[in-house]
Amino acid sequence: MKILNAILGATAVAAVSLFSATAGAQTYPDRTITMVVPFSAGGPTDTVARLVAESMSKDLGQQVIVENVGGAGGTLGAARVANAEADGYTVLLHHIGMATSATLYRKLPYEPLNAFEYVGLVTEVPMTIVARKDLEPTDMAGLIEYAKANKDTVTVANAGIGAASHLCGMLFMSALETPLVTVPYKGTGPAMTDLLGGQVDIMCDQTTNTTKQIQAGTIKAYAVTSPERLDVLKDVPTTAEAGLADFQVGIWHGIYAPKGTPAEAVERLSKSLQVALKDENVAARFAELGTEPSPEADGTPDALKAKLESEIARWKPVIEAAGQYAD
């Protein structure tokens, strides 16, 4: 009888444990999820995050709030998530800086490839080469000639080392084979403000930040970095059309979770991202900003991991050749 009772007791414990595990997996999430954006509020990456977070909140049945943890080219926010509890309630939405930080920062407090679980790709935003509205050149050929002739005085604004605008500006100078005067700011907002005010000459930034200003005529656009012209900026030529055939760069965004986050939570987050990528409102808002949701095949953990690996390999020689490091 004692043996029978022991067996029955063990069976009951196992059943309860199995039920608890299953119930836990089924009830995730049961509270608010924090989506960390490693840049300032109001910037292009923040805009992408808030659109996606709103859609994911509806699907998950729990609010996904955006927390801005800016500084150090996005590495402070990434470190915040890398060190967060791996329970599925803290995630990171980061852009191409996740890949470039691996080389830009030689003393990172985390290892980009191994400190996170991968949820999926969100979008790839084209860049625009823009200038203050009264800059003399009227096309890219003229801009290149002007920049080379005035390389000691032409200023290129960016949102700080590691920001998308910094990376694009670095590539632009590399394409011109001409170093220009770079002016770093603490965020995209201040950089755009000074471009609008004529305090700086040129900027290379995401369409999510420049489209409305281009449409309003408050800044001058020379090219978009996409393979084809954008519907919202039909009059702006591609870099290839403008004479920079090899200058194509998109600022891709992905969602990550801390390493060790339960597979069930990562899977649920990935499925919710897939829903957001198919959300008509998200697609419409993205289109207004000159971008579109990632294809379904890219909104997966495997696709994001492959993208990060390939982009680290792509940017490493570019950054090393430029010799620009953040530490």
Protein backbone atom coordinates (compact mmCIF):
# COMPACT_ATOMS: atom_id res chain seq x y z
CA MET A 1 0.00 0.00 0.00
CA LYS A 2 2.86 2.38 0.87
CA ILE A 3 4.45 1.65 -2.51
CA LEU A 4 1.14 2.25 -4.28
CA ASN A 5 0.63 5.53 -2.41
CA ALA A 6 4.16 6.63 -3.30
CA ILE A 7 3.56 5.87 -6.97
CA LEU A 8 0.25 7.70 -6.93
CA GLY A 9 1.85 10.64 -5.12
CA ALA A 10 4.69 10.88 -7.63
CA THR A 11 2.24 10.67 -10.49
CA ALA A 12 0.15 13.46 -9.01
CA VAL A 13 3.21 15.69 -8.54
CA ALA A 14 4.30 15.04 -12.12
CA ALA A 15 0.84 15.83 -13.39
CA VAL A 16 0.70 19.07 -11.42
CA SER A 17 4.15 20.06 -12.68
CA LEU A 18 3.18 19.29 -16.26
CA PHE A 19 -0.07 21.23 -15.87
CA SER A 20 1.77 24.19 -14.35
CA ALA A 21 4.36 24.25 -17.15
CA THR A 22 1.66 23.99 -19.79
CA ALA A 23 -0.47 26.64 -18.12
CA GLY A 24 2.55 28.93 -17.84
CA ALA A 25 3.27 28.58 -21.53
CA GLN A 26 -0.36 29.20 -22.40
CA THR A 27 -0.74 32.30 -20.23
CA TYR A 28 2.34 34.17 -21.45
CA PRO A 29 2.21 37.10 -21.42
CA ASP A 30 0.24 37.92 -18.31
CA ARG A 31 1.59 41.42 -17.73
CA THR A 32 3.11 44.41 -19.49
CA ILE A 33 6.10 43.91 -21.79
CA THR A 34 8.79 46.58 -22.04
CA MET A 35 10.29 47.22 -25.47
CA VAL A 36 13.58 49.06 -25.04
CA VAL A 37 14.60 51.45 -27.83
CA PRO A 38 18.28 52.40 -27.46
CA PHE A 39 17.77 55.87 -28.92
CA SER A 40 15.90 59.04 -28.02
CA ALA A 41 12.13 59.44 -28.23
CA GLY A 42 10.85 60.90 -31.47
CA GLY A 43 13.70 59.53 -33.57
CA PRO A 44 13.28 57.20 -36.56
CA THR A 45 13.88 53.95 -34.65
CA ASP A 46 11.51 55.10 -31.90
CA THR A 47 8.84 55.72 -34.56
CA VAL A 48 9.21 52.18 -35.91
CA ALA A 49 9.09 50.70 -32.41
CA ARG A 50 5.93 52.50 -31.37
CA LEU A 51 4.03 51.40 -34.46
CA VAL A 52 5.05 47.77 -33.98
CA ALA A 53 4.48 47.85 -30.20
CA GLU A 54 0.94 49.14 -30.67
CA SER A 55 0.07 46.30 -33.03
CA MET A 56 1.76 43.63 -30.92
CA SER A 57 -0.10 44.87 -27.83
CA LYS A 58 -3.42 44.09 -29.51
CA ASP A 59 -2.31 40.61 -30.51
CA LEU A 60 -0.68 39.69 -27.19
CA GLY A 61 -3.50 41.02 -25.07
CA GLN A 62 -1.00 42.88 -22.92
CA GLN A 63 0.45 46.34 -23.35
CA VAL A 64 3.89 46.62 -24.96
CA ILE A 65 5.35 49.89 -23.71
CA VAL A 66 8.35 51.60 -25.27
CA GLU A 67 11.19 52.67 -23.00
CA ASN A 68 13.89 54.92 -24.47
CA VAL A 69 17.36 54.17 -23.12
CA GLY A 70 19.63 56.28 -25.31
CA GLY A 71 23.35 56.87 -25.24
CA ALA A 72 26.63 55.42 -26.49
CA GLY A 73 25.35 54.66 -29.98
CA GLY A 74 22.61 52.36 -28.75
CA THR A 75 24.87 50.22 -26.57
CA LEU A 76 23.42 51.42 -23.25
CA GLY A 77 19.95 50.26 -24.20
CA ALA A 78 21.25 47.00 -25.61
CA ALA A 79 23.19 46.36 -22.40
CA ARG A 80 20.05 47.10 -20.38
CA VAL A 81 18.24 44.26 -22.18
CA ALA A 82 21.23 41.92 -22.22
CA ASN A 83 21.30 42.15 -18.40
CA ALA A 84 17.52 42.05 -17.90
CA GLU A 85 15.70 39.07 -16.45
CA ALA A 86 15.22 36.50 -19.19
CA ASP A 87 11.49 36.07 -18.69
CA GLY A 88 10.08 37.45 -21.93
CA TYR A 89 8.96 40.74 -20.43
CA THR A 90 11.88 42.87 -21.62
CA VAL A 91 12.79 43.03 -25.30
CA LEU A 92 14.99 45.22 -27.48
CA LEU A 93 14.18 46.86 -30.79
CA HIS A 94 17.51 47.87 -32.31
CA HIS A 95 18.69 48.81 -35.78
CA ILE A 96 21.83 48.14 -37.81
CA GLY A 97 23.83 49.50 -34.87
CA MET A 98 23.59 46.07 -33.26
CA ALA A 99 25.95 44.86 -36.01
CA THR A 100 28.26 47.86 -36.24
CA SER A 101 28.72 48.15 -32.48
CA ALA A 102 30.64 44.87 -32.58
CA THR A 103 33.48 46.76 -34.28
CA LEU A 104 32.85 50.39 -33.31
CA TYR A 105 33.08 49.53 -29.61
CA ARG A 106 36.09 47.46 -28.65
CA LYS A 107 35.01 47.10 -25.01
CA LEU A 108 31.33 46.23 -25.19
CA PRO A 109 29.74 44.92 -21.97
CA TYR A 110 27.94 42.25 -24.02
CA GLU A 111 28.61 40.14 -27.11
CA PRO A 112 26.09 41.06 -29.83
CA LEU A 113 25.86 37.58 -31.34
CA ASN A 114 25.62 35.64 -28.09
CA ALA A 115 23.90 37.87 -25.53
CA PHE A 116 20.40 37.68 -27.00
CA GLU A 117 17.64 35.46 -28.29
CA TYR A 118 16.36 36.45 -31.73
CA VAL A 119 12.70 37.35 -32.37
CA GLY A 120 12.70 38.63 -35.96
CA LEU A 121 13.32 41.43 -38.45
CA VAL A 122 10.89 44.34 -38.51
CA THR A 123 11.73 46.60 -41.44
CA GLU A 124 14.60 47.96 -43.52
CA VAL A 125 14.42 51.72 -43.85
CA PRO A 126 16.08 53.48 -46.83
CA MET A 127 18.38 56.42 -46.19
CA THR A 128 18.31 59.84 -47.80
CA ILE A 129 21.16 62.19 -48.56
CA VAL A 130 19.81 65.62 -47.69
CA ALA A 131 21.07 69.15 -47.10
CA ARG A 132 19.97 72.52 -45.82
CA LYS A 133 17.48 73.94 -48.27
CA ASP A 134 19.74 76.78 -49.46
CA LEU A 135 22.84 74.71 -50.17
CA GLU A 136 24.07 75.66 -53.63
CA PRO A 137 24.28 72.31 -55.53
CA THR A 138 21.07 71.22 -57.26
CA ASP A 139 21.96 67.57 -57.90
CA MET A 140 24.26 64.83 -56.64
CA ALA A 141 27.00 65.54 -59.18
CA GLY A 142 27.05 69.13 -58.03
CA LEU A 143 27.00 68.12 -54.38
CA ILE A 144 29.99 65.83 -54.84
CA GLU A 145 31.94 68.54 -56.65
CA TYR A 146 30.98 71.11 -54.00
CA ALA A 147 31.91 68.81 -51.10
CA LYS A 148 35.31 67.98 -52.55
CA ALA A 149 36.09 71.62 -53.28
CA ASN A 150 35.08 72.71 -49.77
CA LYS A 151 36.02 69.64 -47.73
CA ASP A 152 37.46 71.70 -44.87
CA THR A 153 34.26 73.66 -44.31
CA VAL A 154 31.37 71.42 -45.43
CA THR A 155 29.69 69.97 -42.34
CA VAL A 156 27.95 66.60 -42.07
CA ALA A 157 25.54 66.21 -39.14
CA ASN A 158 24.83 62.93 -37.38
CA ALA A 159 23.01 61.73 -34.29
CA GLY A 160 26.17 60.46 -32.60
CA ILE A 161 28.64 57.63 -33.11
CA GLY A 162 26.86 54.41 -34.01
CA ALA A 163 23.65 56.15 -35.08
CA ALA A 164 22.26 55.38 -38.52
CA SER A 165 23.10 58.90 -39.68
CA HIS A 166 26.69 58.46 -38.56
CA LEU A 167 27.08 55.16 -40.41
CA CYS A 168 25.50 56.53 -43.58
CA GLY A 169 27.59 59.69 -43.42
CA MET A 170 30.73 57.62 -43.02
CA LEU A 171 29.82 55.60 -46.12
CA PHE A 172 29.08 58.80 -48.05
CA MET A 173 32.52 60.22 -47.29
CA SER A 174 34.05 56.88 -48.19
CA ALA A 175 32.23 56.91 -51.54
CA LEU A 176 33.51 60.44 -52.20
CA GLU A 177 36.99 59.44 -50.98
CA THR A 178 36.89 62.78 -49.19
CA PRO A 179 36.82 63.40 -45.42
CA LEU A 180 34.39 66.13 -44.42
CA VAL A 181 33.77 67.94 -41.13
CA THR A 182 31.47 65.75 -39.03
CA VAL A 183 29.22 67.29 -36.38
CA PRO A 184 27.82 64.75 -33.89
CA TYR A 185 24.66 65.49 -31.91
CA LYS A 186 22.93 63.80 -29.00
CA GLY A 187 20.09 62.43 -31.09
CA THR A 188 18.42 62.79 -34.46
CA GLY A 189 16.11 65.60 -33.32
CA PRO A 190 18.85 68.15 -32.53
CA ALA A 191 20.73 67.23 -35.72
CA MET A 192 17.64 67.80 -37.86
CA THR A 193 16.87 71.05 -36.03
CA ASP A 194 20.27 72.47 -36.93
CA LEU A 195 19.97 71.24 -40.52
CA LEU A 196 16.61 73.02 -40.78
CA GLY A 197 18.18 76.12 -39.27
CA GLY A 198 21.11 76.07 -41.68
CA GLN A 199 23.75 75.55 -38.98
CA VAL A 200 25.02 72.40 -40.75
CA ASP A 201 25.18 71.51 -44.44
CA ILE A 202 24.50 67.82 -45.06
CA MET A 203 22.93 64.85 -43.35
CA CYS A 204 22.33 61.25 -44.33
CA ASP A 205 19.39 59.81 -42.41
CA GLN A 206 16.45 57.43 -42.51
CA THR A 207 13.34 58.24 -44.51
CA THR A 208 11.34 57.86 -41.28
CA ASN A 209 13.02 61.08 -40.16
CA THR A 210 13.40 63.01 -43.41
CA THR A 211 10.37 62.29 -45.62
CA LYS A 212 8.03 64.91 -44.15
CA GLN A 213 10.75 67.57 -44.24
CA ILE A 214 11.58 66.76 -47.86
CA GLN A 215 7.90 66.89 -48.82
CA ALA A 216 7.54 70.24 -47.06
CA GLY A 217 10.55 71.66 -48.85
CA THR A 218 12.33 72.56 -45.62
CA ILE A 219 15.39 70.52 -46.60
CA LYS A 220 16.88 69.61 -49.98
CA ALA A 221 17.04 65.95 -51.05
CA TYR A 222 19.70 64.58 -53.38
CA ALA A 223 19.11 60.83 -53.35
CA VAL A 224 17.54 57.82 -51.64
CA THR A 225 19.63 54.72 -50.99
CA SER A 226 16.98 52.22 -52.13
CA PRO A 227 17.30 50.23 -55.40
CA GLU A 228 14.16 51.95 -56.74
CA ARG A 229 12.52 55.32 -56.21
CA LEU A 230 10.06 55.57 -53.33
CA ASP A 231 6.37 56.27 -53.95
CA VAL A 232 6.37 58.97 -51.30
CA LEU A 233 9.47 60.64 -52.80
CA LYS A 234 9.02 60.05 -56.52
CA ASP A 235 11.04 63.10 -57.51
CA VAL A 236 14.11 62.02 -55.54
CA PRO A 237 16.51 59.85 -57.58
CA THR A 238 18.16 56.72 -56.25
CA THR A 239 21.86 56.85 -55.46
CA ALA A 240 22.48 54.72 -58.54
CA GLU A 241 20.59 57.20 -60.73
CA ALA A 242 22.45 60.06 -59.08
CA GLY A 243 25.88 58.62 -59.86
CA LEU A 244 26.70 56.58 -56.75
CA ALA A 245 26.03 53.11 -58.13
CA ASP A 246 27.59 51.19 -55.21
CA PHE A 247 26.06 53.34 -52.47
CA GLN A 248 23.12 51.33 -51.17
CA VAL A 249 22.39 51.02 -47.48
CA GLY A 250 19.23 50.28 -45.54
CA ILE A 251 18.81 50.61 -41.80
CA TRP A 252 17.26 47.32 -40.76
CA HIS A 253 15.55 46.82 -37.42
CA GLY A 254 15.14 43.67 -35.37
CA ILE A 255 13.67 42.55 -32.05
CA TYR A 256 15.75 40.69 -29.46
CA ALA A 257 15.23 39.21 -26.00
CA PRO A 258 17.80 38.46 -23.27
CA LYS A 259 19.75 35.23 -23.66
CA GLY A 260 17.95 32.39 -21.90
CA THR A 261 14.44 33.73 -22.47
CA PRO A 262 12.12 30.67 -22.58
CA ALA A 263 11.61 29.30 -26.07
CA GLU A 264 7.84 29.51 -25.62
CA ALA A 265 8.05 33.25 -24.96
CA VAL A 266 10.36 33.87 -27.91
CA GLU A 267 8.03 31.89 -30.17
CA ARG A 268 4.99 33.85 -28.97
CA LEU A 269 6.79 37.16 -29.51
CA SER A 270 7.86 36.10 -32.98
CA LYS A 271 4.30 35.09 -33.90
CA SER A 272 3.03 38.42 -32.60
CA LEU A 273 5.63 40.24 -34.70
CA GLN A 274 4.36 38.32 -37.72
CA VAL A 275 0.87 39.61 -36.99
CA ALA A 276 2.19 43.18 -36.71
CA LEU A 277 4.03 42.88 -40.03
CA LYS A 278 0.72 42.00 -41.69
CA ASP A 279 -1.19 44.77 -39.92
CA GLU A 280 -2.68 47.10 -42.55
CA ASN A 281 -2.26 50.11 -40.28
CA VAL A 282 1.44 49.34 -39.73
CA ALA A 283 1.98 48.90 -43.47
CA ALA A 284 0.17 52.16 -44.24
CA ARG A 285 2.11 54.15 -41.64
CA PHE A 286 5.39 52.61 -42.77
CA ALA A 287 4.57 53.55 -46.39
CA GLU A 288 4.06 57.18 -45.34
CA LEU A 289 7.59 57.07 -43.93
CA GLY A 290 9.15 55.54 -47.04
CA THR A 291 9.50 51.97 -45.83
CA GLU A 292 7.52 48.74 -45.52
CA PRO A 293 7.25 45.79 -43.11
CA SER A 294 9.74 42.97 -43.53
CA PRO A 295 8.48 40.00 -45.56
CA GLU A 296 7.03 37.13 -43.53
CA ALA A 297 10.13 35.01 -44.16
CA ASP A 298 12.30 37.68 -42.48
CA GLY A 299 10.16 38.09 -39.38
CA THR A 300 11.68 34.99 -37.78
CA PRO A 301 14.47 34.29 -35.27
CA ASP A 302 16.61 32.48 -37.86
CA ALA A 303 16.34 35.32 -40.37
CA LEU A 304 17.37 37.93 -37.79
CA LYS A 305 20.33 35.86 -36.62
CA ALA A 306 21.55 35.35 -40.19
CA LYS A 307 21.15 39.08 -40.89
CA LEU A 308 23.15 40.09 -37.83
CA GLU A 309 25.96 37.68 -38.66
CA SER A 310 26.24 38.88 -42.27
CA GLU A 311 26.06 42.57 -41.31
CA ILE A 312 28.80 42.26 -38.70
CA ALA A 313 31.02 40.74 -41.39
CA ARG A 314 30.04 43.47 -43.88
CA TRP A 315 30.68 46.47 -41.64
CA LYS A 316 33.83 45.31 -39.86
CA PRO A 317 36.23 46.14 -42.74
CA VAL A 318 34.42 49.44 -43.49
CA ILE A 319 34.79 50.67 -39.90
CA GLU A 320 38.35 49.43 -39.58
CA ALA A 321 39.31 51.16 -42.83
CA ALA A 322 37.77 54.42 -41.60
CA GLY A 323 39.59 54.06 -38.28
CA GLN A 324 36.64 55.58 -36.40
CA TYR A 325 36.02 53.89 -33.07
CA ALA A 326 33.81 54.86 -30.19
CA ASP A 327 36.28 53.94 -27.45
